[in-house]
């Protein structure tokens, strides 16, 4: 969550509590508490890897046929674009050399 969203959320919470006072700077104790709570929210490496594994199980992986098709499309596209850039470079080089001679 970025700073702007956090401030907006804190302001909304203050208004809900009936505080009504919009203070720009929070007291240092609240910022320390917020930092400690953020630290507590972090998960460990083991939990992170477990969640990554679960998310990767949800991925719809391409079949072998699709993978081959995608690979061929990428290789053909790279070849065509490389040839195009080479041709443009060659033409401009010839033009420049003819102008300077």
N, C-alpha and C. Protein backbone atom coordinates (compact mmCIF):
# COMPACT_ATOMS: atom_id res chain seq x y z
N UNK A 1 0.86 -1.16 0.00
CA UNK A 1 0.00 0.00 0.00
C UNK A 1 0.91 1.23 0.00
N UNK A 2 0.63 2.18 -0.89
CA UNK A 2 1.48 3.36 -0.94
C UNK A 2 1.07 4.36 0.13
N UNK A 3 1.90 5.38 0.31
CA UNK A 3 1.69 6.36 1.37
C UNK A 3 0.37 7.09 1.25
N UNK A 4 0.02 7.46 0.03
CA UNK A 4 -1.19 8.23 -0.20
C UNK A 4 -2.43 7.41 0.19
N UNK A 5 -2.46 6.15 -0.19
CA UNK A 5 -3.59 5.29 0.16
C UNK A 5 -3.67 5.08 1.68
N UNK A 6 -2.49 4.92 2.29
CA UNK A 6 -2.45 4.71 3.74
C UNK A 6 -2.99 5.94 4.46
N UNK A 7 -2.58 7.12 4.02
CA UNK A 7 -3.07 8.35 4.64
C UNK A 7 -4.57 8.50 4.47
N UNK A 8 -5.07 8.19 3.28
CA UNK A 8 -6.51 8.28 3.04
C UNK A 8 -7.27 7.30 3.93
N UNK A 9 -6.73 6.12 4.10
CA UNK A 9 -7.37 5.12 4.95
C UNK A 9 -7.37 5.58 6.41
N UNK A 10 -6.25 6.13 6.87
CA UNK A 10 -6.17 6.61 8.24
C UNK A 10 -7.15 7.76 8.46
N UNK A 11 -7.27 8.65 7.49
CA UNK A 11 -8.19 9.78 7.60
C UNK A 11 -9.63 9.28 7.69
N UNK A 12 -9.96 8.29 6.85
CA UNK A 12 -11.31 7.73 6.88
C UNK A 12 -11.59 7.07 8.23
N UNK A 13 -10.60 6.38 8.79
CA UNK A 13 -10.79 5.75 10.09
C UNK A 13 -10.99 6.79 11.18
N UNK A 14 -10.22 7.90 11.13
CA UNK A 14 -10.39 8.95 12.13
C UNK A 14 -11.78 9.57 12.04
N UNK A 15 -12.25 9.77 10.80
CA UNK A 15 -13.57 10.36 10.63
C UNK A 15 -14.68 9.42 11.12
N UNK A 16 -14.48 8.13 10.95
CA UNK A 16 -15.46 7.16 11.43
C UNK A 16 -15.52 7.14 12.95
N UNK A 17 -14.39 7.33 13.58
CA UNK A 17 -14.34 7.33 15.04
C UNK A 17 -14.92 8.61 15.62
N UNK A 18 -15.18 9.60 14.76
CA UNK A 18 -15.76 10.84 15.25
C UNK A 18 -14.72 11.85 15.66
N UNK A 19 -13.49 11.58 15.37
CA UNK A 19 -12.40 12.47 15.76
C UNK A 19 -12.51 13.79 15.01
N UNK A 20 -12.80 13.75 13.74
CA UNK A 20 -13.03 14.94 12.95
C UNK A 20 -11.81 15.83 12.77
N UNK A 21 -10.78 15.68 13.56
CA UNK A 21 -9.58 16.49 13.47
C UNK A 21 -8.63 15.86 12.46
N UNK A 22 -8.23 16.63 11.50
CA UNK A 22 -7.33 16.13 10.48
C UNK A 22 -5.92 16.60 10.79
N UNK A 23 -5.14 15.76 11.41
CA UNK A 23 -3.76 16.09 11.75
C UNK A 23 -2.84 15.59 10.64
N UNK A 24 -1.87 16.42 10.28
CA UNK A 24 -0.96 16.04 9.21
C UNK A 24 0.08 15.03 9.68
N UNK A 25 0.61 15.20 10.87
CA UNK A 25 1.65 14.31 11.36
C UNK A 25 1.12 13.49 12.53
N UNK A 26 1.30 12.20 12.46
CA UNK A 26 0.88 11.33 13.54
C UNK A 26 1.94 11.33 14.63
N UNK A 27 1.55 11.13 15.88
CA UNK A 27 2.55 11.08 16.95
C UNK A 27 3.52 9.94 16.71
N UNK A 28 4.76 10.08 17.21
CA UNK A 28 5.77 9.06 16.96
C UNK A 28 5.38 7.67 17.48
N UNK A 29 4.62 7.61 18.57
CA UNK A 29 4.25 6.30 19.11
C UNK A 29 3.37 5.53 18.14
N UNK A 30 2.47 6.24 17.45
CA UNK A 30 1.60 5.54 16.50
C UNK A 30 2.38 5.07 15.28
N UNK A 31 3.35 5.85 14.85
CA UNK A 31 4.13 5.42 13.69
C UNK A 31 4.99 4.21 14.06
N UNK A 32 5.50 4.19 15.29
CA UNK A 32 6.28 3.04 15.73
C UNK A 32 5.40 1.80 15.79
N UNK A 33 4.20 1.99 16.34
CA UNK A 33 3.28 0.85 16.42
C UNK A 33 2.92 0.34 15.03
N UNK A 34 2.69 1.27 14.12
CA UNK A 34 2.34 0.87 12.75
C UNK A 34 3.50 0.11 12.11
N UNK A 35 4.72 0.56 12.37
CA UNK A 35 5.88 -0.13 11.82
C UNK A 35 6.01 -1.54 12.40
N UNK A 36 5.73 -1.67 13.69
CA UNK A 36 5.80 -2.99 14.31
C UNK A 36 4.72 -3.92 13.76
N UNK A 37 3.53 -3.36 13.53
CA UNK A 37 2.46 -4.18 12.97
C UNK A 37 2.80 -4.61 11.55
N UNK A 38 3.42 -3.70 10.76
CA UNK A 38 3.84 -4.06 9.41
C UNK A 38 4.85 -5.19 9.47
N UNK A 39 5.75 -5.14 10.43
CA UNK A 39 6.76 -6.18 10.57
C UNK A 39 6.10 -7.51 10.90
N UNK A 40 5.10 -7.48 11.75
CA UNK A 40 4.41 -8.71 12.13
C UNK A 40 3.64 -9.31 10.96
N UNK A 41 3.19 -8.48 10.03
CA UNK A 41 2.40 -8.97 8.91
C UNK A 41 3.24 -9.78 7.92
N UNK A 42 4.55 -9.58 7.95
CA UNK A 42 5.41 -10.29 7.00
C UNK A 42 5.38 -11.78 7.26
N UNK A 43 5.47 -12.52 6.18
CA UNK A 43 5.51 -13.97 6.30
C UNK A 43 6.94 -14.45 6.14
N UNK A 44 7.21 -15.61 6.63
CA UNK A 44 8.55 -16.17 6.51
C UNK A 44 8.80 -16.74 5.13
N UNK A 45 10.04 -17.14 4.92
CA UNK A 45 10.43 -17.68 3.61
C UNK A 45 9.67 -18.97 3.30
N UNK A 46 9.50 -19.81 4.30
CA UNK A 46 8.81 -21.08 4.09
C UNK A 46 7.35 -20.85 3.66
N UNK A 47 6.68 -19.91 4.36
CA UNK A 47 5.29 -19.59 4.01
C UNK A 47 5.22 -19.00 2.61
N UNK A 48 6.16 -18.12 2.28
CA UNK A 48 6.19 -17.51 0.95
C UNK A 48 6.33 -18.58 -0.13
N UNK A 49 7.28 -19.50 0.04
CA UNK A 49 7.49 -20.55 -0.96
C UNK A 49 6.28 -21.47 -1.07
N UNK A 50 5.62 -21.73 0.05
CA UNK A 50 4.41 -22.56 0.03
C UNK A 50 3.31 -21.87 -0.79
N UNK A 51 3.16 -20.55 -0.59
CA UNK A 51 2.14 -19.81 -1.33
C UNK A 51 2.49 -19.73 -2.82
N UNK A 52 3.77 -19.58 -3.13
CA UNK A 52 4.20 -19.54 -4.53
C UNK A 52 3.86 -20.87 -5.20
N UNK A 53 4.15 -21.95 -4.50
CA UNK A 53 3.86 -23.28 -5.05
C UNK A 53 2.36 -23.45 -5.31
N UNK A 54 1.53 -22.99 -4.37
CA UNK A 54 0.08 -23.09 -4.55
C UNK A 54 -0.39 -22.25 -5.74
N UNK A 55 0.19 -21.06 -5.90
CA UNK A 55 -0.20 -20.21 -7.03
C UNK A 55 0.24 -20.83 -8.35
N UNK A 56 1.41 -21.44 -8.39
CA UNK A 56 1.88 -22.06 -9.63
C UNK A 56 1.03 -23.26 -10.02
N UNK A 57 0.40 -23.89 -9.04
CA UNK A 57 -0.50 -25.00 -9.37
C UNK A 57 -1.76 -24.49 -10.07
N UNK A 58 -2.10 -23.22 -9.84
CA UNK A 58 -3.30 -22.64 -10.45
C UNK A 58 -3.06 -22.18 -11.89
N UNK A 59 -1.81 -22.09 -12.28
CA UNK A 59 -1.46 -21.58 -13.61
C UNK A 59 -1.92 -22.56 -14.68
N UNK A 60 -2.48 -22.02 -15.75
CA UNK A 60 -2.90 -22.84 -16.89
C UNK A 60 -1.72 -22.92 -17.85
N UNK A 61 -0.90 -23.95 -17.69
CA UNK A 61 0.32 -24.10 -18.48
C UNK A 61 -0.03 -24.52 -19.91
N UNK A 62 0.75 -24.05 -20.91
CA UNK A 62 0.47 -24.44 -22.30
C UNK A 62 0.84 -25.90 -22.54
N UNK A 63 0.13 -26.48 -23.49
CA UNK A 63 0.45 -27.86 -23.86
C UNK A 63 1.73 -27.85 -24.70
N UNK A 64 2.25 -29.04 -24.96
CA UNK A 64 3.48 -29.14 -25.75
C UNK A 64 3.28 -28.55 -27.15
N UNK A 65 2.12 -28.83 -27.76
CA UNK A 65 1.83 -28.33 -29.11
C UNK A 65 1.76 -26.79 -29.10
N UNK A 66 1.09 -26.23 -28.09
CA UNK A 66 1.01 -24.77 -27.99
C UNK A 66 2.39 -24.16 -27.79
N UNK A 67 3.20 -24.80 -26.97
CA UNK A 67 4.54 -24.30 -26.69
C UNK A 67 5.39 -24.27 -27.96
N UNK A 68 5.30 -25.32 -28.75
CA UNK A 68 6.05 -25.37 -30.01
C UNK A 68 5.55 -24.28 -30.96
N UNK A 69 4.24 -24.10 -31.03
CA UNK A 69 3.67 -23.06 -31.89
C UNK A 69 4.14 -21.68 -31.46
N UNK A 70 4.08 -21.40 -30.15
CA UNK A 70 4.51 -20.09 -29.64
C UNK A 70 6.00 -19.86 -29.92
N UNK A 71 6.80 -20.91 -29.78
CA UNK A 71 8.23 -20.78 -30.01
C UNK A 71 8.51 -20.45 -31.48
N UNK A 72 7.82 -21.13 -32.38
CA UNK A 72 7.99 -20.87 -33.82
C UNK A 72 7.57 -19.44 -34.15
N UNK A 73 6.47 -18.99 -33.59
CA UNK A 73 6.00 -17.62 -33.84
C UNK A 73 7.04 -16.61 -33.38
N UNK A 74 7.61 -16.82 -32.21
CA UNK A 74 8.62 -15.91 -31.69
C UNK A 74 9.86 -15.90 -32.57
N UNK A 75 10.33 -17.07 -32.97
CA UNK A 75 11.53 -17.14 -33.81
C UNK A 75 11.31 -16.49 -35.17
N UNK A 76 10.16 -16.72 -35.78
CA UNK A 76 9.86 -16.10 -37.07
C UNK A 76 9.77 -14.58 -36.92
N UNK A 77 9.12 -14.12 -35.87
CA UNK A 77 8.99 -12.67 -35.64
C UNK A 77 10.36 -12.04 -35.44
N UNK A 78 11.21 -12.67 -34.66
CA UNK A 78 12.55 -12.14 -34.45
C UNK A 78 13.33 -12.09 -35.76
N UNK A 79 13.22 -13.12 -36.56
CA UNK A 79 13.93 -13.16 -37.84
C UNK A 79 13.45 -12.05 -38.77
N UNK A 80 12.15 -11.88 -38.86
CA UNK A 80 11.59 -10.84 -39.74
C UNK A 80 12.00 -9.46 -39.28
N UNK A 81 11.87 -9.18 -37.99
CA UNK A 81 12.23 -7.86 -37.48
C UNK A 81 13.73 -7.58 -37.59
N UNK A 82 14.54 -8.59 -37.35
CA UNK A 82 15.98 -8.41 -37.50
C UNK A 82 16.33 -8.11 -38.95
N UNK A 83 15.73 -8.82 -39.90
CA UNK A 83 15.98 -8.57 -41.32
C UNK A 83 15.53 -7.16 -41.71
N UNK A 84 14.41 -6.73 -41.18
CA UNK A 84 13.89 -5.39 -41.47
C UNK A 84 14.85 -4.32 -40.97
N UNK A 85 15.29 -4.45 -39.73
CA UNK A 85 16.22 -3.47 -39.17
C UNK A 85 17.55 -3.49 -39.93
N UNK A 86 18.03 -4.68 -40.30
CA UNK A 86 19.26 -4.79 -41.08
C UNK A 86 19.10 -4.07 -42.42
N UNK A 87 17.97 -4.27 -43.10
CA UNK A 87 17.75 -3.64 -44.40
C UNK A 87 17.71 -2.12 -44.28
N UNK A 88 17.02 -1.61 -43.27
CA UNK A 88 16.95 -0.16 -43.08
C UNK A 88 18.35 0.39 -42.78
N UNK A 89 19.10 -0.30 -41.94
CA UNK A 89 20.46 0.13 -41.61
C UNK A 89 21.34 0.14 -42.85
N UNK A 90 21.24 -0.88 -43.66
CA UNK A 90 22.04 -0.99 -44.87
C UNK A 90 21.72 0.15 -45.85
N UNK A 91 20.41 0.42 -46.02
CA UNK A 91 19.99 1.50 -46.93
C UNK A 91 20.51 2.84 -46.44
N UNK A 92 20.34 3.13 -45.17
CA UNK A 92 20.82 4.41 -44.63
C UNK A 92 22.34 4.52 -44.72
N UNK A 93 23.05 3.42 -44.48
CA UNK A 93 24.51 3.45 -44.58
C UNK A 93 24.93 3.77 -46.01
N UNK A 94 24.28 3.14 -46.99
CA UNK A 94 24.60 3.41 -48.40
C UNK A 94 24.32 4.87 -48.75
N UNK A 95 23.18 5.41 -48.26
CA UNK A 95 22.85 6.80 -48.54
C UNK A 95 23.88 7.75 -47.94
N UNK A 96 24.26 7.50 -46.71
CA UNK A 96 25.23 8.37 -46.04
C UNK A 96 26.58 8.30 -46.74
N UNK A 97 27.03 7.09 -47.09
CA UNK A 97 28.32 6.96 -47.76
C UNK A 97 28.31 7.62 -49.13
N UNK A 98 27.17 7.54 -49.84
CA UNK A 98 27.08 8.20 -51.15
C UNK A 98 27.06 9.70 -51.01
N UNK A 99 26.47 10.21 -49.94
CA UNK A 99 26.43 11.66 -49.74
C UNK A 99 27.82 12.20 -49.35
N UNK A 100 28.56 11.42 -48.59
CA UNK A 100 29.86 11.89 -48.13
C UNK A 100 30.95 11.70 -49.18
N UNK A 101 30.76 10.86 -50.15
CA UNK A 101 31.78 10.64 -51.19
C UNK A 101 31.77 11.70 -52.22
